[in-house]
Structures are given as C-alpha cells and as structure tokens.
C-alpha cells in the first residue's frame, strides 16, 4: 500500500477528514505544520517521516504506520488532551488496521 492509498482510506473511513488537498499537498502541509487540522497534520507527518516520504507514492507497511503514531499516542495520554483527541487517535489506529486488513483480504480473492 502506498502512503497516498492509506491517506485516502483514512480520509474515507476514520470519521475525520485527513486530506488537505490531494495526497501530495496533504503530506507537504503536514510536514510544514500547516495542515488544516493540527492533530491530523501531526499524524500524517509522523507516518510520512517514518517512510522518509518524498512522494505520496512511497510504500508504507502496517507496522511503519502504527509505530509512527506511538510517540503521538503516548504524548496524548501523558498530556492533558481532550477525550475527543484521544478517541481520534484510537480511531485512526483502528482505521489503519482496517486498511491493511482489506488489502490482505483483497489479495486472497481468486
């Protein structure tokens, strides 16, 4: 799966808008700290950094995506963030699992 495919899936399935323009724009804005949503920007930036993304077409693995969010999740739990933001982080992790589960199931179909 590419980072772009994952971002599109998360935008569609997480319940929260992820894309801020197309995939390339979203990554650039996230890495620059100018994504329209601060938390989502941090999530996208962490995943992009985990694969040294120079383009949205870079492959990303489930482990890379979820591991990238680890420090953000720990910081959110340690700091006094809203329950809403904690829920968003958890929904994002579940949506990442869903994306890779669907990809694996699609690969098994004859």
Protein backbone atom coordinates (compact mmCIF):
# COMPACT_ATOMS: atom_id res chain seq x y z
CA UNK A 1 0.00 0.00 0.00
CA UNK A 2 1.24 3.48 -0.73
CA UNK A 3 1.09 6.34 1.72
CA UNK A 4 -1.42 8.02 -0.60
CA UNK A 5 -3.67 4.96 -0.62
CA UNK A 6 -3.54 4.87 3.16
CA UNK A 7 -4.36 8.58 3.46
CA UNK A 8 -7.32 8.21 1.12
CA UNK A 9 -8.57 5.23 3.12
CA UNK A 10 -8.17 7.11 6.41
CA UNK A 11 -9.97 10.12 4.99
CA UNK A 12 -12.87 7.90 3.96
CA UNK A 13 -13.02 5.51 6.92
CA UNK A 14 -11.68 7.19 10.06
CA UNK A 15 -14.62 9.52 10.51
CA UNK A 16 -12.30 12.53 10.40
CA UNK A 17 -11.05 14.49 7.39
CA UNK A 18 -7.43 13.59 6.66
CA UNK A 19 -6.80 15.03 3.22
CA UNK A 20 -5.97 18.71 2.91
CA UNK A 21 -5.89 18.90 -0.87
CA UNK A 22 -4.54 15.89 -2.76
CA UNK A 23 -2.14 13.40 -1.17
CA UNK A 24 0.98 15.32 -2.13
CA UNK A 25 -0.42 18.59 -0.76
CA UNK A 26 -1.57 16.88 2.41
CA UNK A 27 1.90 15.49 3.11
CA UNK A 28 3.64 18.78 2.33
CA UNK A 29 1.27 20.73 4.58
CA UNK A 30 1.58 18.17 7.36
CA UNK A 31 5.39 18.22 7.26
CA UNK A 32 5.37 22.03 7.20
CA UNK A 33 2.97 22.21 10.15
CA UNK A 34 0.29 23.93 8.08
CA UNK A 35 -2.29 21.14 7.74
CA UNK A 36 -5.81 22.48 8.34
CA UNK A 37 -6.12 20.24 11.41
CA UNK A 38 -3.23 20.21 13.88
CA UNK A 39 -3.72 16.66 15.18
CA UNK A 40 -4.28 15.18 11.75
CA UNK A 41 -1.25 17.06 10.47
CA UNK A 42 0.87 15.51 13.21
CA UNK A 43 -0.45 12.04 12.36
CA UNK A 44 0.24 12.46 8.64
CA UNK A 45 3.68 13.97 9.30
CA UNK A 46 4.63 11.11 11.61
CA UNK A 47 3.64 8.49 9.04
CA UNK A 48 5.39 10.37 6.21
CA UNK A 49 8.56 10.73 8.27
CA UNK A 50 8.51 7.02 9.15
CA UNK A 51 8.99 6.14 5.48
CA UNK A 52 11.10 9.15 4.50
CA UNK A 53 8.32 10.15 2.13
CA UNK A 54 9.42 12.39 -0.69
CA UNK A 55 6.28 11.47 -2.60
CA UNK A 56 2.84 10.14 -1.71
CA UNK A 57 3.57 7.06 -3.83
CA UNK A 58 6.08 5.68 -1.31
CA UNK A 59 5.12 2.27 0.10
CA UNK A 60 4.17 2.06 3.77
CA UNK A 61 3.71 -1.05 5.88
CA UNK A 62 1.20 -1.53 8.68
CA UNK A 63 4.00 -1.67 11.24
CA UNK A 64 5.52 1.57 9.96
CA UNK A 65 2.20 3.40 10.10
CA UNK A 66 1.24 2.24 13.58
CA UNK A 67 4.73 2.56 15.03
CA UNK A 68 4.92 6.13 13.73
CA UNK A 69 1.89 7.01 15.83
CA UNK A 70 3.29 5.50 19.03
CA UNK A 71 5.04 8.66 20.28
CA UNK A 72 1.98 10.79 19.46
CA UNK A 73 -0.31 8.40 21.31
CA UNK A 74 1.95 8.31 24.36
CA UNK A 75 2.21 12.10 24.42
CA UNK A 76 -1.57 12.40 24.10
CA UNK A 77 -2.09 10.01 27.00
CA UNK A 78 0.58 11.68 29.14
CA UNK A 79 -0.55 15.25 28.46
CA UNK A 80 -3.93 16.59 29.39
CA UNK A 81 -5.53 16.31 25.95
CA UNK A 82 -9.22 16.08 25.33
CA UNK A 83 -11.01 12.78 25.27
CA UNK A 84 -12.08 13.69 21.75
CA UNK A 85 -8.47 13.81 20.55
CA UNK A 86 -7.65 10.52 22.28
CA UNK A 87 -10.64 8.95 20.55
CA UNK A 88 -9.47 10.35 17.21
CA UNK A 89 -6.05 8.76 17.71
CA UNK A 90 -7.61 5.40 18.52
CA UNK A 91 -10.00 5.57 15.57
CA UNK A 92 -7.05 6.35 13.32
CA UNK A 93 -5.14 3.30 14.56
CA UNK A 94 -8.21 1.11 14.00
CA UNK A 95 -8.67 2.59 10.53
CA UNK A 96 -5.02 1.83 9.69
CA UNK A 97 -5.63 -1.78 10.69
CA UNK A 98 -8.76 -1.80 8.55
CA UNK A 99 -6.88 -0.52 5.51
CA UNK A 100 -4.26 -3.24 5.73
CA UNK A 101 -6.83 -5.92 6.56
CA UNK A 102 -8.83 -5.01 3.45
CA UNK A 103 -5.67 -5.04 1.35
CA UNK A 104 -4.74 -8.51 2.63
CA UNK A 105 -8.24 -9.86 2.04
CA UNK A 106 -8.36 -8.43 -1.48
CA UNK A 107 -5.06 -10.14 -2.29
CA UNK A 108 -6.55 -13.52 -1.30
CA UNK A 109 -9.57 -13.33 -3.57
CA UNK A 110 -9.30 -15.50 -6.67
